[in-house]
Amino acid sequence: MSRPESPRAPWWRRALLLVGFASAAWVLTRLDLAAMMDALARVSLTSIVAATAAMWLNMALKAVRWQRMLRHRGADVPASLTAPVFFEAMLWGSLTIGRAGELFRVTPLVDRGVPLRVALASVLLDRALDLGFLVVVGAAALLAATDHAALAWAVGGATLALLVFMGALGRQQRIDDAPPPGRVRLALEETRAFFYPSALLESGLWTVASWAASFCIVLVLGADLSPEAGAVRLLAAAFIASLSTLLPITYQGVGTREPIFAAVLAADGVDSERAVLLALLVFTLNLVPVLALGAAAGVWRRRRAGGGSG
């Protein structure tokens, strides 16, 4: 099987990334780099190892979620196929704007006999779960951290009501059912087929578990760098910064996550040097484990394919 080319953005969109890097460079020039180095010395090797393990756990839980989504949809795909494809796709996603490279997952599924509409919907809805979780938790945490607890609870309640409504509209379908006419109706029907009550509940639980593992990265590093910061404010900073990765002017949030961490954590008395350093370490320990596991998964898949064809 030939490897599909990773999506390439237009040159002007790639050039926009310079805005994010310029912003990060400007932020760093305004800080005391010596103080940042002193703060970096406080981060223990144990914390680095624990944060790396938390990121790998986050990836593993999301891989299980995607495989279970496909099984609920009726696609007969084993974890031995979906797990390495998922890990490699995360690598491509980390190297592309808006994580477009994660569409890499579609081709191996189609080669396995999964209908294109189902394969594409599985990837898009898998990403939608993460995006929705980021928006809801980030907004609720920011409201709670800024003393708007009632609004935070309202966001949570509205989200639960929306999930109940989506589940009520969902309907389990056979994977070989004829697709409905029209793109809008097709998208709605695939959403219903993936998000009927039991499937939506399980996907939601995997989502919460995976992001809890991801949040452990911020908690572990924050304990060394910003012990005075509350967990809710760390949660708000981390999740809002994660949303910034969707901006077309930044690579994985570089140039936006640093001021976000500084602004949010300042309310708890964390100075800008430690807040920015925390943001940079969170970025690094989100990216490096993805690159390492994704590269290993890609090598394993190709060797396995080569052995099977020989």
C-alpha atoms as a PDB file:
ATOM      1  CA  MET A   1       0.000   0.000   0.000  1.00  0.00           C
ATOM      2  CA  SER A   2       1.457   3.346  -1.007  1.00  0.00           C
ATOM      3  CA  ARG A   3       1.582   6.029   1.647  1.00  0.00           C
ATOM      4  CA  PRO A   4      -0.823   8.870   0.923  1.00  0.00           C
ATOM      5  CA  GLU A   5       0.723  12.284   0.649  1.00  0.00           C
ATOM      6  CA  SER A   6       0.154  14.479   3.668  1.00  0.00           C
ATOM      7  CA  PRO A   7      -2.080  17.476   2.856  1.00  0.00           C
ATOM      8  CA  ARG A   8      -0.177  20.639   1.935  1.00  0.00           C
ATOM      9  CA  ALA A   9      -1.495  24.076   2.725  1.00  0.00           C
ATOM     10  CA  PRO A  10      -1.152  26.963   0.224  1.00  0.00           C
ATOM     11  CA  TRP A  11       2.141  28.887   0.455  1.00  0.00           C
ATOM     12  CA  TRP A  12       0.429  31.964   1.873  1.00  0.00           C
ATOM     13  CA  ARG A  13      -1.094  29.931   4.703  1.00  0.00           C
ATOM     14  CA  ARG A  14       2.261  28.373   5.526  1.00  0.00           C
ATOM     15  CA  ALA A  15       3.741  31.886   5.515  1.00  0.00           C
ATOM     16  CA  LEU A  16       1.163  32.937   8.117  1.00  0.00           C
ATOM     17  CA  LEU A  17       2.921  30.606  10.557  1.00  0.00           C
ATOM     18  CA  LEU A  18       5.642  33.251  10.753  1.00  0.00           C
ATOM     19  CA  VAL A  19       3.174  35.422  12.668  1.00  0.00           C
ATOM     20  CA  GLY A  20       3.018  32.848  15.451  1.00  0.00           C
ATOM     21  CA  PHE A  21       6.779  32.373  15.595  1.00  0.00           C
ATOM     22  CA  ALA A  22       7.293  36.160  15.542  1.00  0.00           C
ATOM     23  CA  SER A  23       4.849  36.494  18.434  1.00  0.00           C
ATOM     24  CA  ALA A  24       6.709  33.822  20.416  1.00  0.00           C
ATOM     25  CA  ALA A  25      10.045  35.507  19.731  1.00  0.00           C
ATOM     26  CA  TRP A  26       8.645  38.876  20.835  1.00  0.00           C
ATOM     27  CA  VAL A  27       7.290  37.370  24.053  1.00  0.00           C
ATOM     28  CA  LEU A  28      10.662  35.787  24.854  1.00  0.00           C
ATOM     29  CA  THR A  29      12.508  39.078  24.313  1.00  0.00           C
ATOM     30  CA  ARG A  30      10.308  40.666  26.980  1.00  0.00           C
ATOM     31  CA  LEU A  31      11.213  38.087  29.610  1.00  0.00           C
ATOM     32  CA  ASP A  32      14.163  37.455  31.904  1.00  0.00           C
ATOM     33  CA  LEU A  33      15.729  34.412  30.259  1.00  0.00           C
ATOM     34  CA  ALA A  34      18.066  33.863  33.212  1.00  0.00           C
ATOM     35  CA  ALA A  35      15.032  33.586  35.500  1.00  0.00           C
ATOM     36  CA  MET A  36      13.496  31.104  33.087  1.00  0.00           C
ATOM     37  CA  MET A  37      16.638  28.962  33.188  1.00  0.00           C
ATOM     38  CA  ASP A  38      16.549  29.048  36.988  1.00  0.00           C
ATOM     39  CA  ALA A  39      12.923  27.929  36.903  1.00  0.00           C
ATOM     40  CA  LEU A  40      13.747  25.168  34.429  1.00  0.00           C
ATOM     41  CA  ALA A  41      16.190  23.714  36.948  1.00  0.00           C
ATOM     42  CA  ARG A  42      13.238  23.091  39.276  1.00  0.00           C
ATOM     43  CA  VAL A  43      11.673  20.616  36.868  1.00  0.00           C
ATOM     44  CA  SER A  44      12.649  17.101  37.924  1.00  0.00           C
ATOM     45  CA  LEU A  45      13.391  14.179  35.654  1.00  0.00           C
ATOM     46  CA  THR A  46      10.557  12.332  37.379  1.00  0.00           C
ATOM     47  CA  SER A  47       8.134  15.041  36.246  1.00  0.00           C
ATOM     48  CA  ILE A  48       9.388  14.814  32.660  1.00  0.00           C
ATOM     49  CA  VAL A  49       8.980  11.028  32.624  1.00  0.00           C
ATOM     50  CA  ALA A  50       5.533  11.231  34.213  1.00  0.00           C
ATOM     51  CA  ALA A  51       4.384  13.884  31.729  1.00  0.00           C
ATOM     52  CA  THR A  52       5.646  11.809  28.799  1.00  0.00           C
ATOM     53  CA  ALA A  53       3.843   8.728  30.092  1.00  0.00           C
ATOM     54  CA  ALA A  54       0.652  10.784  30.518  1.00  0.00           C
ATOM     55  CA  MET A  55       0.841  11.906  26.895  1.00  0.00           C
ATOM     56  CA  TRP A  56       1.317   8.346  25.655  1.00  0.00           C
ATOM     57  CA  LEU A  57      -1.650   7.275  27.790  1.00  0.00           C
ATOM     58  CA  ASN A  58      -3.688  10.084  26.249  1.00  0.00           C
ATOM     59  CA  MET A  59      -2.785   8.817  22.760  1.00  0.00           C
ATOM     60  CA  ALA A  60      -3.576   5.209  23.653  1.00  0.00           C
ATOM     61  CA  LEU A  61      -7.007   6.102  25.050  1.00  0.00           C
ATOM     62  CA  LYS A  62      -7.866   8.116  21.955  1.00  0.00           C
ATOM     63  CA  ALA A  63      -6.763   5.240  19.726  1.00  0.00           C
ATOM     64  CA  VAL A  64      -9.095   2.921  21.657  1.00  0.00           C
ATOM     65  CA  ARG A  65     -11.922   5.471  21.344  1.00  0.00           C
ATOM     66  CA  TRP A  66     -11.525   5.637  17.558  1.00  0.00           C
ATOM     67  CA  GLN A  67     -11.432   1.866  17.201  1.00  0.00           C
ATOM     68  CA  ARG A  68     -14.519   1.507  19.378  1.00  0.00           C
ATOM     69  CA  MET A  69     -16.325   4.190  17.352  1.00  0.00           C
ATOM     70  CA  LEU A  70     -15.670   2.168  14.208  1.00  0.00           C
ATOM     71  CA  ARG A  71     -16.831  -1.072  15.842  1.00  0.00           C
ATOM     72  CA  HIS A  72     -20.042   0.611  17.005  1.00  0.00           C
ATOM     73  CA  ARG A  73     -20.561   1.739  13.403  1.00  0.00           C
ATOM     74  CA  GLY A  74     -20.196  -1.863  12.266  1.00  0.00           C
ATOM     75  CA  ALA A  75     -16.713  -1.653  10.746  1.00  0.00           C
ATOM     76  CA  ASP A  76     -14.748  -4.863  11.315  1.00  0.00           C
ATOM     77  CA  VAL A  77     -11.332  -3.333  12.011  1.00  0.00           C
ATOM     78  CA  PRO A  78      -8.966  -4.801  14.611  1.00  0.00           C
ATOM     79  CA  ALA A  79      -6.911  -2.719  17.008  1.00  0.00           C
ATOM     80  CA  SER A  80      -3.774  -4.093  15.342  1.00  0.00           C
ATOM     81  CA  LEU A  81      -4.750  -1.993  12.312  1.00  0.00           C
ATOM     82  CA  THR A  82      -6.268   1.095  13.903  1.00  0.00           C
ATOM     83  CA  ALA A  83      -3.713   1.692  16.676  1.00  0.00           C
ATOM     84  CA  PRO A  84      -0.573   2.124  14.509  1.00  0.00           C
ATOM     85  CA  VAL A  85      -2.555   4.066  11.902  1.00  0.00           C
ATOM     86  CA  PHE A  86      -3.879   6.368  14.621  1.00  0.00           C
ATOM     87  CA  PHE A  87      -0.439   6.980  16.118  1.00  0.00           C
ATOM     88  CA  GLU A  88       1.115   7.711  12.734  1.00  0.00           C
ATOM     89  CA  ALA A  89      -1.778   9.999  11.824  1.00  0.00           C
ATOM     90  CA  MET A  90      -1.186  11.970  15.021  1.00  0.00           C
ATOM     91  CA  LEU A  91       2.381  12.518  13.816  1.00  0.00           C
ATOM     92  CA  TRP A  92       1.133  13.857  10.464  1.00  0.00           C
ATOM     93  CA  GLY A  93      -1.469  15.911  12.292  1.00  0.00           C
ATOM     94  CA  SER A  94       1.189  17.527  14.464  1.00  0.00           C
ATOM     95  CA  LEU A  95       3.068  18.607  11.321  1.00  0.00           C
ATOM     96  CA  THR A  96       0.106  20.190   9.515  1.00  0.00           C
ATOM     97  CA  ILE A  97      -2.014  23.280  10.110  1.00  0.00           C
ATOM     98  CA  GLY A  98      -5.289  22.527  11.848  1.00  0.00           C
ATOM     99  CA  ARG A  99      -4.132  18.902  12.223  1.00  0.00           C
ATOM    100  CA  ALA A 100      -5.287  18.194   8.660  1.00  0.00           C
ATOM    101  CA  GLY A 101      -2.736  15.376   8.445  1.00  0.00           C
ATOM    102  CA  GLU A 102      -4.959  13.195  10.605  1.00  0.00           C
ATOM    103  CA  LEU A 103      -6.994  12.487   7.474  1.00  0.00           C
ATOM    104  CA  PHE A 104      -4.165  10.019   6.798  1.00  0.00           C
ATOM    105  CA  ARG A 105      -6.345   7.549   8.717  1.00  0.00           C
ATOM    106  CA  VAL A 106      -8.930   7.367   5.952  1.00  0.00           C
ATOM    107  CA  THR A 107      -6.935   5.463   3.311  1.00  0.00           C
ATOM    108  CA  PRO A 108      -5.999   2.399   5.427  1.00  0.00           C
ATOM    109  CA  LEU A 109      -9.650   2.000   6.401  1.00  0.00           C
ATOM    110  CA  VAL A 110     -10.837   2.206   2.806  1.00  0.00           C
ATOM    111  CA  ASP A 111      -8.167  -0.340   1.830  1.00  0.00           C
ATOM    112  CA  ARG A 112      -9.645  -2.589   4.514  1.00  0.00           C
ATOM    113  CA  GLY A 113     -13.080  -2.335   2.890  1.00  0.00           C
ATOM    114  CA  VAL A 114     -14.638   0.371   5.070  1.00  0.00           C
ATOM    115  CA  PRO A 115     -16.843   2.680   2.951  1.00  0.00           C
ATOM    116  CA  LEU A 116     -15.238   6.051   2.311  1.00  0.00           C
ATOM    117  CA  ARG A 117     -18.135   7.939   3.903  1.00  0.00           C
ATOM    118  CA  VAL A 118     -17.763   5.909   7.114  1.00  0.00           C
ATOM    119  CA  ALA A 119     -13.981   6.230   7.236  1.00  0.00           C
ATOM    120  CA  LEU A 120     -14.084   9.993   6.696  1.00  0.00           C
ATOM    121  CA  ALA A 121     -16.909  10.482   9.195  1.00  0.00           C
ATOM    122  CA  SER A 122     -15.019   8.466  11.831  1.00  0.00           C
ATOM    123  CA  VAL A 123     -12.020  10.805  11.604  1.00  0.00           C
ATOM    124  CA  LEU A 124     -14.033  14.027  11.519  1.00  0.00           C
ATOM    125  CA  LEU A 125     -16.337  13.021  14.371  1.00  0.00           C
ATOM    126  CA  ASP A 126     -13.367  11.768  16.389  1.00  0.00           C
ATOM    127  CA  ARG A 127     -11.818  15.230  16.024  1.00  0.00           C
ATOM    128  CA  ALA A 128     -15.177  16.880  16.770  1.00  0.00           C
ATOM    129  CA  LEU A 129     -15.319  15.111  20.136  1.00  0.00           C
ATOM    130  CA  ASP A 130     -11.957  16.586  21.120  1.00  0.00           C
ATOM    131  CA  LEU A 131     -12.813  20.043  19.837  1.00  0.00           C
ATOM    132  CA  GLY A 132     -16.152  20.073  21.623  1.00  0.00           C
ATOM    133  CA  PHE A 133     -14.546  18.902  24.861  1.00  0.00           C
ATOM    134  CA  LEU A 134     -11.878  21.614  24.620  1.00  0.00           C
ATOM    135  CA  VAL A 135     -14.428  24.348  24.028  1.00  0.00           C
ATOM    136  CA  VAL A 136     -16.742  23.278  26.841  1.00  0.00           C
ATOM    137  CA  VAL A 137     -14.120  22.540  29.497  1.00  0.00           C
ATOM    138  CA  GLY A 138     -11.982  25.540  28.552  1.00  0.00           C
ATOM    139  CA  ALA A 139     -14.953  27.914  28.734  1.00  0.00           C
ATOM    140  CA  ALA A 140     -16.273  26.427  31.975  1.00  0.00           C
ATOM    141  CA  ALA A 141     -12.843  26.459  33.613  1.00  0.00           C
ATOM    142  CA  LEU A 142     -12.191  30.068  32.580  1.00  0.00           C
ATOM    143  CA  LEU A 143     -15.575  31.151  33.916  1.00  0.00           C
ATOM    144  CA  ALA A 144     -14.964  29.314  37.195  1.00  0.00           C
ATOM    145  CA  ALA A 145     -11.460  30.780  37.503  1.00  0.00           C
ATOM    146  CA  THR A 146     -12.832  34.296  37.002  1.00  0.00           C
ATOM    147  CA  ASP A 147     -15.495  33.874  39.693  1.00  0.00           C
ATOM    148  CA  HIS A 148     -18.413  33.174  37.345  1.00  0.00           C
ATOM    149  CA  ALA A 149     -19.266  29.804  38.841  1.00  0.00           C
ATOM    150  CA  ALA A 150     -22.958  29.990  37.943  1.00  0.00           C
ATOM    151  CA  LEU A 151     -22.141  30.496  34.268  1.00  0.00           C
ATOM    152  CA  ALA A 152     -19.637  27.637  34.425  1.00  0.00           C
ATOM    153  CA  TRP A 153     -22.325  25.307  35.743  1.00  0.00           C
ATOM    154  CA  ALA A 154     -24.682  26.592  33.053  1.00  0.00           C
ATOM    155  CA  VAL A 155     -22.158  25.665  30.363  1.00  0.00           C
ATOM    156  CA  GLY A 156     -21.862  22.182  31.830  1.00  0.00           C
ATOM    157  CA  GLY A 157     -25.614  21.749  32.091  1.00  0.00           C
ATOM    158  CA  ALA A 158     -26.195  22.958  28.536  1.00  0.00           C
ATOM    159  CA  THR A 159     -23.561  20.534  27.282  1.00  0.00           C
ATOM    160  CA  LEU A 160     -25.209  17.583  28.995  1.00  0.00           C
ATOM    161  CA  ALA A 161     -28.565  18.628  27.559  1.00  0.00           C
ATOM    162  CA  LEU A 162     -27.023  18.800  24.072  1.00  0.00           C
ATOM    163  CA  LEU A 163     -25.516  15.328  24.469  1.00  0.00           C
ATOM    164  CA  VAL A 164     -28.878  13.912  25.548  1.00  0.00           C
ATOM    165  CA  PHE A 165     -30.493  15.570  22.530  1.00  0.00           C
ATOM    166  CA  MET A 166     -27.841  14.182  20.164  1.00  0.00           C
ATOM    167  CA  GLY A 167     -28.219  10.709  21.635  1.00  0.00           C
ATOM    168  CA  ALA A 168     -31.984  10.882  21.242  1.00  0.00           C
ATOM    169  CA  LEU A 169     -31.559  11.656  17.538  1.00  0.00           C
ATOM    170  CA  GLY A 170     -28.930   8.973  17.010  1.00  0.00           C
ATOM    171  CA  ARG A 171     -29.803   5.697  15.355  1.00  0.00           C
ATOM    172  CA  GLN A 172     -27.720   2.547  14.935  1.00  0.00           C
ATOM    173  CA  GLN A 173     -27.389   1.643  11.257  1.00  0.00           C
ATOM    174  CA  ARG A 174     -25.911  -1.131   9.166  1.00  0.00           C
ATOM    175  CA  ILE A 175     -22.623  -0.176   7.576  1.00  0.00           C
ATOM    176  CA  ASP A 176     -23.760  -1.461   4.185  1.00  0.00           C
ATOM    177  CA  ASP A 177     -26.991   0.550   4.155  1.00  0.00           C
ATOM    178  CA  ALA A 178     -27.312   2.711   1.043  1.00  0.00           C
ATOM    179  CA  PRO A 179     -26.163   6.287   1.727  1.00  0.00           C
ATOM    180  CA  PRO A 180     -28.845   8.978   1.547  1.00  0.00           C
ATOM    181  CA  PRO A 181     -28.761  11.545  -1.280  1.00  0.00           C
ATOM    182  CA  GLY A 182     -27.264  14.971  -0.632  1.00  0.00           C
ATOM    183  CA  ARG A 183     -24.139  15.942   1.294  1.00  0.00           C
ATOM    184  CA  VAL A 184     -25.936  17.574   4.214  1.00  0.00           C
ATOM    185  CA  ARG A 185     -28.235  14.612   4.763  1.00  0.00           C
ATOM    186  CA  LEU A 186     -25.297  12.225   4.409  1.00  0.00           C
ATOM    187  CA  ALA A 187     -23.355  14.129   7.095  1.00  0.00           C
ATOM    188  CA  LEU A 188     -26.367  14.121   9.421  1.00  0.00           C
ATOM    189  CA  GLU A 189     -27.029  10.419   8.926  1.00  0.00           C
ATOM    190  CA  GLU A 190     -23.394   9.473   9.572  1.00  0.00           C
ATOM    191  CA  THR A 191     -23.407  11.577  12.731  1.00  0.00           C
ATOM    192  CA  ARG A 192     -26.541   9.807  13.897  1.00  0.00           C
ATOM    193  CA  ALA A 193     -24.981   6.423  13.074  1.00  0.00           C
ATOM    194  CA  PHE A 194     -21.885   7.131  15.189  1.00  0.00           C
ATOM    195  CA  PHE A 195     -23.608   8.943  18.047  1.00  0.00           C
ATOM    196  CA  TYR A 196     -26.590   6.815  19.013  1.00  0.00           C
ATOM    197  CA  PRO A 197     -26.987   6.602  22.840  1.00  0.00           C
ATOM    198  CA  SER A 198     -24.687   3.736  23.861  1.00  0.00           C
ATOM    199  CA  ALA A 199     -22.014   4.656  21.294  1.00  0.00           C
ATOM    200  CA  LEU A 200     -22.101   8.340  22.252  1.00  0.00           C
ATOM    201  CA  LEU A 201     -21.892   7.503  25.955  1.00  0.00           C
ATOM    202  CA  GLU A 202     -18.855   5.264  25.454  1.00  0.00           C
ATOM    203  CA  SER A 203     -17.135   7.779  23.163  1.00  0.00           C
ATOM    204  CA  GLY A 204     -17.777  10.497  25.721  1.00  0.00           C
ATOM    205  CA  LEU A 205     -16.230   8.467  28.525  1.00  0.00           C
ATOM    206  CA  TRP A 206     -13.110   7.713  26.456  1.00  0.00           C
ATOM    207  CA  THR A 207     -12.871  11.432  25.661  1.00  0.00           C
ATOM    208  CA  VAL A 208     -12.996  12.441  29.316  1.00  0.00           C
ATOM    209  CA  ALA A 209     -10.424   9.791  30.267  1.00  0.00           C
ATOM    210  CA  SER A 210      -8.010  10.773  27.493  1.00  0.00           C
ATOM    211  CA  TRP A 211      -8.134  14.477  28.280  1.00  0.00           C
ATOM    212  CA  ALA A 212      -7.757  13.757  31.994  1.00  0.00           C
ATOM    213  CA  ALA A 213      -4.470  12.037  31.121  1.00  0.00           C
ATOM    214  CA  SER A 214      -3.480  15.050  29.018  1.00  0.00           C
ATOM    215  CA  PHE A 215      -4.283  17.442  31.856  1.00  0.00           C
ATOM    216  CA  CYS A 216      -1.954  15.451  34.122  1.00  0.00           C
ATOM    217  CA  ILE A 217       0.911  16.846  32.029  1.00  0.00           C
ATOM    218  CA  VAL A 218       0.005  20.389  33.080  1.00  0.00           C
ATOM    219  CA  LEU A 219      -0.549  19.393  36.708  1.00  0.00           C
ATOM    220  CA  VAL A 220       2.766  17.537  36.981  1.00  0.00           C
ATOM    221  CA  LEU A 221       4.803  20.329  35.406  1.00  0.00           C
ATOM    222  CA  GLY A 222       2.813  23.013  37.217  1.00  0.00           C
ATOM    223  CA  ALA A 223       3.637  21.426  40.571  1.00  0.00           C
ATOM    224  CA  ASP A 224       7.317  22.135  39.859  1.00  0.00           C
ATOM    225  CA  LEU A 225       7.019  25.504  38.135  1.00  0.00           C
ATOM    226  CA  SER A 226       3.902  27.188  39.503  1.00  0.00           C
ATOM    227  CA  PRO A 227       2.775  25.503  42.734  1.00  0.00           C
ATOM    228  CA  GLU A 228       0.711  28.560  43.661  1.00  0.00           C
ATOM    229  CA  ALA A 229      -1.545  28.148  40.611  1.00  0.00           C
ATOM    230  CA  GLY A 230      -4.885  26.490  41.244  1.00  0.00           C
ATOM    231  CA  ALA A 231      -5.917  23.402  39.296  1.00  0.00           C
ATOM    232  CA  VAL A 232      -8.922  25.157  37.749  1.00  0.00           C
ATOM    233  CA  ARG A 233      -6.789  28.014  36.446  1.00  0.00           C
ATOM    234  CA  LEU A 234      -4.216  25.566  35.065  1.00  0.00           C
ATOM    235  CA  LEU A 235      -7.073  23.728  33.389  1.00  0.00           C
ATOM    236  CA  ALA A 236      -8.349  26.949  31.828  1.00  0.00           C
ATOM    237  CA  ALA A 237      -4.897  27.950  30.560  1.00  0.00           C
ATOM    238  CA  ALA A 238      -4.169  24.516  29.100  1.00  0.00           C
ATOM    239  CA  PHE A 239      -7.491  24.053  27.322  1.00  0.00           C
ATOM    240  CA  ILE A 240      -7.740  27.587  25.934  1.00  0.00           C
ATOM    241  CA  ALA A 241      -4.148  27.305  24.696  1.00  0.00           C
ATOM    242  CA  SER A 242      -5.036  24.004  23.029  1.00  0.00           C
ATOM    243  CA  LEU A 243      -7.837  25.753  21.138  1.00  0.00           C
ATOM    244  CA  SER A 244      -5.307  28.268  19.813  1.00  0.00           C
ATOM    245  CA  THR A 245      -3.751  25.477  17.734  1.00  0.00           C
ATOM    246  CA  LEU A 246      -6.720  25.894  15.362  1.00  0.00           C
ATOM    247  CA  LEU A 247      -5.616  29.410  14.413  1.00  0.00           C
ATOM    248  CA  PRO A 248      -4.031  29.582  10.941  1.00  0.00           C
ATOM    249  CA  ILE A 249      -1.266  31.915  12.169  1.00  0.00           C
ATOM    250  CA  THR A 250       0.382  29.496  14.539  1.00  0.00           C
ATOM    251  CA  TYR A 251       2.091  26.106  14.504  1.00  0.00           C
ATOM    252  CA  GLN A 252       0.595  24.007  17.297  1.00  0.00           C
ATOM    253  CA  GLY A 253      -0.187  27.188  19.239  1.00  0.00           C
ATOM    254  CA  VAL A 254       3.353  28.604  19.226  1.00  0.00           C
ATOM    255  CA  GLY A 255       3.059  32.347  19.765  1.00  0.00           C
ATOM    256  CA  THR A 256      -0.430  32.177  21.257  1.00  0.00           C
ATOM    257  CA  ARG A 257      -0.220  29.628  24.065  1.00  0.00           C
ATOM    258  CA  GLU A 258       2.598  31.559  25.818  1.00  0.00           C
ATOM    259  CA  PRO A 259       0.638  34.817  26.353  1.00  0.00           C
ATOM    260  CA  ILE A 260      -2.469  32.777  27.203  1.00  0.00           C
ATOM    261  CA  PHE A 261      -0.641  30.952  29.999  1.00  0.00           C
ATOM    262  CA  ALA A 262       0.887  34.219  31.225  1.00  0.00           C
ATOM    263  CA  ALA A 263      -2.435  36.075  31.265  1.00  0.00           C
ATOM    264  CA  VAL A 264      -4.471  33.302  32.904  1.00  0.00           C
ATOM    265  CA  LEU A 265      -1.917  32.280  35.544  1.00  0.00           C
ATOM    266  CA  ALA A 266      -1.064  35.875  36.492  1.00  0.00           C
ATOM    267  CA  ALA A 267      -4.252  35.946  38.585  1.00  0.00           C
ATOM    268  CA  ASP A 268      -2.674  33.332  40.898  1.00  0.00           C
ATOM    269  CA  GLY A 269       0.578  35.253  41.184  1.00  0.00           C
ATOM    270  CA  VAL A 270       2.620  33.237  38.679  1.00  0.00           C
ATOM    271  CA  ASP A 271       5.190  35.497  37.029  1.00  0.00           C
ATOM    272  CA  SER A 272       5.403  35.620  33.246  1.00  0.00           C
ATOM    273  CA  GLU A 273       8.743  33.795  33.087  1.00  0.00           C
ATOM    274  CA  ARG A 274       7.432  30.676  34.823  1.00  0.00           C
ATOM    275  CA  ALA A 275       4.078  30.790  33.026  1.00  0.00           C
ATOM    276  CA  VAL A 276       5.721  31.001  29.591  1.00  0.00           C
ATOM    277  CA  LEU A 277       8.206  28.280  30.508  1.00  0.00           C
ATOM    278  CA  LEU A 278       5.310  26.065  31.597  1.00  0.00           C
ATOM    279  CA  ALA A 279       3.588  26.717  28.253  1.00  0.00           C
ATOM    280  CA  LEU A 280       6.740  25.806  26.331  1.00  0.00           C
ATOM    281  CA  LEU A 281       7.272  22.610  28.324  1.00  0.00           C
ATOM    282  CA  VAL A 282       3.632  21.571  27.873  1.00  0.00           C
ATOM    283  CA  PHE A 283       4.033  22.151  24.132  1.00  0.00           C
ATOM    284  CA  THR A 284       7.251  20.114  24.030  1.00  0.00           C
ATOM    285  CA  LEU A 285       5.861  17.206  26.019  1.00  0.00           C
ATOM    286  CA  ASN A 286       2.747  17.137  23.870  1.00  0.00           C
ATOM    287  CA  LEU A 287       4.761  17.126  20.655  1.00  0.00           C
ATOM    288  CA  VAL A 288       7.820  14.929  21.286  1.00  0.00           C
ATOM    289  CA  PRO A 289       5.929  11.808  22.503  1.00  0.00           C
ATOM    290  CA  VAL A 290       3.628  12.115  19.462  1.00  0.00           C
ATOM    291  CA  LEU A 291       6.583  12.310  17.079  1.00  0.00           C
ATOM    292  CA  ALA A 292       8.358   9.391  18.765  1.00  0.00           C
ATOM    293  CA  LEU A 293       5.369   7.044  18.937  1.00  0.00           C
ATOM    294  CA  GLY A 294       4.087   8.107  15.524  1.00  0.00           C
ATOM    295  CA  ALA A 295       7.443   7.454  13.858  1.00  0.00           C
ATOM    296  CA  ALA A 296       7.744   4.072  15.576  1.00  0.00           C
ATOM    297  CA  ALA A 297       4.216   3.135  14.476  1.00  0.00           C
ATOM    298  CA  GLY A 298       4.979   4.150  10.892  1.00  0.00           C
ATOM    299  CA  VAL A 299       8.139   2.030  10.773  1.00  0.00           C
ATOM    300  CA  TRP A 300       6.307  -0.941  12.289  1.00  0.00           C
ATOM    301  CA  ARG A 301       3.430  -0.656   9.801  1.00  0.00           C
ATOM    302  CA  ARG A 302       5.748  -0.537   6.811  1.00  0.00           C
ATOM    303  CA  ARG A 303       7.849  -3.477   7.988  1.00  0.00           C
ATOM    304  CA  ARG A 304       4.703  -5.470   8.647  1.00  0.00           C
ATOM    305  CA  ALA A 305       3.330  -4.593   5.195  1.00  0.00           C
ATOM    306  CA  GLY A 306       6.647  -5.487   3.589  1.00  0.00           C
ATOM    307  CA  GLY A 307       6.771  -8.815   5.394  1.00  0.00           C
ATOM    308  CA  GLY A 308       3.199  -9.591   4.370  1.00  0.00           C
ATOM    309  CA  SER A 309       3.843  -8.838   0.704  1.00  0.00           C
ATOM    310  CA  GLY A 310       7.018 -10.913   0.663  1.00  0.00           C
END
